Amino acid sequence: MSEIVNRVAQSPIVSINLEDYYPREDRVVFDLKPFLFQELVLREKEFRLALKEYDWSEFDNKWVAITCSVDAIIPTWAFMLVATFLAKAKGYVIGTKEELELFIAERCISDLNLENVENAPVVIKGCSEISIPLFAYGRLVSRIQDRAKSIMFGEPCSTVPLYKKPKG
């Protein structure tokens, strides 16, 4: 009987699983609503004092979306002031939790070392146990398309072809 050879393992295919790189730290929201007078008005003196007295440690090593959940006119500087207190957060955005996920995806994809994809067939793994925004997959394709020989989606043993570098 002949030995079973795993041809997928021996192939030059580079497999990228975004799940391996995607941050798992908690995502939380900092809402300005409790800091507003009658949920309508920001009083600068009281706001600054409340921020100074706030226990910011709950945001340490977490991803934070700075937002306001009520329809109030908040000056831009107020959101920016909150950001100055988040030095120990993993990262933050002034925006929604959805915008935070896009920011995380962008940072994740931008930080990828892609030296191994030069002129290689690449498979972007599709199944993951965590939710990764579609934006991340599109951003990954845009980063590797000019480097990779080809791009496929799925598993190395069963892929959908997406791109093949023109010859010459």
Protein backbone atom coordinates (compact mmCIF):
# COMPACT_ATOMS: atom_id res chain seq x y z
CA MET A 1 0.00 0.00 0.00
CA SER A 2 1.34 3.42 -0.93
CA GLU A 3 1.74 6.28 1.50
CA ILE A 4 -0.96 8.97 1.52
CA VAL A 5 0.50 12.30 0.50
CA ASN A 6 -1.09 15.57 1.57
CA ARG A 7 -0.61 17.59 -1.61
CA VAL A 8 -2.31 20.65 -0.08
CA ALA A 9 0.28 20.78 2.72
CA GLN A 10 3.11 20.46 0.18
CA SER A 11 1.77 23.15 -2.13
CA PRO A 12 3.14 26.71 -2.27
CA ILE A 13 -0.30 28.06 -1.31
CA VAL A 14 -0.25 30.76 1.35
CA SER A 15 -3.34 30.57 3.53
CA ILE A 16 -4.52 33.71 5.33
CA ASN A 17 -7.02 33.25 8.13
CA LEU A 18 -8.11 36.69 9.35
CA GLU A 19 -9.30 35.07 12.55
CA ASP A 20 -5.64 34.45 13.45
CA TYR A 21 -4.92 38.19 13.37
CA TYR A 22 -8.20 39.76 14.38
CA PRO A 23 -8.16 41.29 17.88
CA ARG A 24 -10.28 39.62 20.53
CA GLU A 25 -10.28 42.29 23.21
CA ASP A 26 -13.64 43.60 24.40
CA ARG A 27 -15.44 46.30 22.48
CA VAL A 28 -17.23 48.85 24.65
CA VAL A 29 -19.09 52.13 24.24
CA PHE A 30 -18.43 55.33 26.12
CA ASP A 31 -21.70 57.26 25.98
CA LEU A 32 -21.77 60.99 26.67
CA LYS A 33 -25.48 60.85 27.55
CA PRO A 34 -24.99 60.54 31.34
CA PHE A 35 -22.75 63.61 31.29
CA LEU A 36 -25.39 65.89 29.78
CA PHE A 37 -27.69 68.17 31.73
CA GLN A 38 -31.23 66.80 31.21
CA GLU A 39 -29.80 64.68 28.36
CA LEU A 40 -29.74 67.80 26.20
CA VAL A 41 -26.98 70.19 27.12
CA LEU A 42 -23.30 69.83 27.78
CA ARG A 43 -22.11 72.15 30.51
CA GLU A 44 -18.37 72.49 30.02
CA LYS A 45 -17.27 73.06 33.61
CA GLU A 46 -19.34 70.16 35.00
CA PHE A 47 -18.37 67.94 32.07
CA ARG A 48 -14.64 68.48 32.56
CA LEU A 49 -14.94 67.84 36.30
CA ALA A 50 -16.98 64.66 35.77
CA LEU A 51 -14.40 63.32 33.30
CA LYS A 52 -11.55 63.99 35.73
CA GLU A 53 -13.37 62.11 38.50
CA TYR A 54 -14.41 59.18 36.29
CA ASP A 55 -12.76 55.75 36.79
CA TRP A 56 -11.20 55.21 33.35
CA SER A 57 -9.67 51.85 34.27
CA GLU A 58 -12.77 50.06 32.95
CA PHE A 59 -11.52 50.90 29.43
CA ASP A 60 -7.96 49.60 29.88
CA ASN A 61 -6.95 47.28 27.02
CA LYS A 62 -10.40 47.50 25.39
CA TRP A 63 -11.59 48.92 22.09
CA VAL A 64 -13.81 51.94 22.72
CA ALA A 65 -16.46 53.72 20.65
CA ILE A 66 -17.03 57.26 21.92
CA THR A 67 -20.58 58.29 21.08
CA CYS A 68 -23.72 59.97 22.33
CA SER A 69 -26.92 57.92 22.34
CA VAL A 70 -29.30 60.88 22.54
CA ASP A 71 -30.06 63.52 19.97
CA ALA A 72 -28.17 66.43 21.50
CA ILE A 73 -25.85 68.99 20.01
CA ILE A 74 -22.41 68.04 21.29
CA PRO A 75 -19.37 70.11 20.31
CA THR A 76 -16.61 68.15 18.61
CA TRP A 77 -14.10 69.08 21.29
CA ALA A 78 -16.18 67.15 23.89
CA PHE A 79 -15.64 63.85 22.07
CA MET A 80 -11.97 64.71 21.63
CA LEU A 81 -11.63 65.50 25.34
CA VAL A 82 -12.99 62.06 26.21
CA ALA A 83 -10.39 60.53 23.90
CA THR A 84 -7.59 62.13 25.91
CA PHE A 85 -8.58 59.97 28.88
CA LEU A 86 -8.35 56.69 26.94
CA ALA A 87 -4.56 56.37 26.81
CA LYS A 88 -4.69 52.79 28.17
CA ALA A 89 -7.42 51.64 25.80
CA LYS A 90 -6.42 49.25 23.02
CA GLY A 91 -7.81 51.82 20.59
CA TYR A 92 -10.81 54.05 20.11
CA VAL A 93 -12.95 55.90 17.60
CA ILE A 94 -15.34 58.76 17.87
CA GLY A 95 -18.33 57.04 16.38
CA THR A 96 -20.53 53.98 16.60
CA LYS A 97 -19.64 50.43 17.56
CA GLU A 98 -19.93 49.54 13.85
CA GLU A 99 -17.42 52.26 12.96
CA LEU A 100 -15.16 50.89 15.69
CA GLU A 101 -15.22 47.46 14.02
CA LEU A 102 -14.22 49.04 10.68
CA PHE A 103 -11.36 50.83 12.42
CA ILE A 104 -10.21 47.58 14.03
CA ALA A 105 -10.40 45.78 10.69
CA GLU A 106 -8.40 48.50 8.95
CA ARG A 107 -5.72 48.44 11.62
CA CYS A 108 -5.59 44.64 11.55
CA ILE A 109 -5.20 44.46 7.76
CA SER A 110 -2.73 47.38 7.63
CA ASP A 111 -0.49 45.69 10.20
CA LEU A 112 -0.28 42.35 8.33
CA ASN A 113 3.18 41.34 7.13
CA LEU A 114 2.59 40.26 3.54
CA GLU A 115 6.12 39.33 2.45
CA ASN A 116 5.09 35.67 2.13
CA VAL A 117 2.42 36.40 -0.51
CA GLU A 118 4.83 37.74 -3.16
CA ASN A 119 4.05 35.82 -6.38
CA ALA A 120 2.33 33.08 -4.40
CA PRO A 121 -1.13 31.61 -4.75
CA VAL A 122 -3.12 32.88 -1.76
CA VAL A 123 -6.21 31.43 -0.14
CA ILE A 124 -8.20 33.71 2.12
CA LYS A 125 -9.92 31.44 4.60
CA GLY A 126 -13.64 32.02 4.80
CA CYS A 127 -14.93 30.17 7.83
CA SER A 128 -14.27 31.72 11.22
CA GLU A 129 -15.60 31.39 14.72
CA ILE A 130 -15.64 35.15 15.30
CA SER A 131 -17.49 37.79 13.33
CA ILE A 132 -15.21 39.61 10.93
CA PRO A 133 -16.73 42.47 8.92
CA LEU A 134 -16.91 42.09 5.13
CA PHE A 135 -14.88 45.28 4.94
CA ALA A 136 -11.85 43.34 6.23
CA TYR A 137 -12.02 40.83 3.38
CA GLY A 138 -12.24 43.58 0.78
CA ARG A 139 -9.39 45.48 2.39
CA LEU A 140 -7.26 42.33 2.46
CA VAL A 141 -7.83 41.74 -1.27
CA SER A 142 -6.81 45.33 -1.99
CA ARG A 143 -3.56 44.84 -0.06
CA ILE A 144 -2.52 41.55 -1.67
CA GLN A 145 -3.83 41.82 -5.25
CA ASP A 146 -0.71 43.51 -6.65
CA ARG A 147 1.57 41.00 -4.90
CA ALA A 148 -0.09 37.60 -5.13
CA LYS A 149 0.05 35.27 -8.11
CA SER A 150 -3.59 34.40 -7.50
CA ILE A 151 -6.26 34.92 -4.86
CA MET A 152 -8.82 32.33 -3.85
CA PHE A 153 -11.46 32.22 -1.15
CA GLY A 154 -12.41 29.25 0.99
CA GLU A 155 -10.24 26.36 2.15
CA PRO A 156 -7.07 25.17 0.36
CA CYS A 157 -8.87 21.96 -0.65
CA SER A 158 -12.00 23.74 -1.93
CA THR A 159 -11.67 27.31 -3.14
CA VAL A 160 -13.44 29.89 -5.25
CA PRO A 161 -11.02 31.70 -7.57
CA LEU A 162 -11.11 35.49 -7.26
CA TYR A 163 -8.08 36.83 -9.09
CA LYS A 164 -5.19 35.67 -11.24
CA LYS A 165 -2.25 37.89 -12.08
CA PRO A 166 -1.95 38.49 -15.83
CA LYS A 167 1.05 36.84 -17.47
CA GLY A 168 3.91 39.04 -18.57
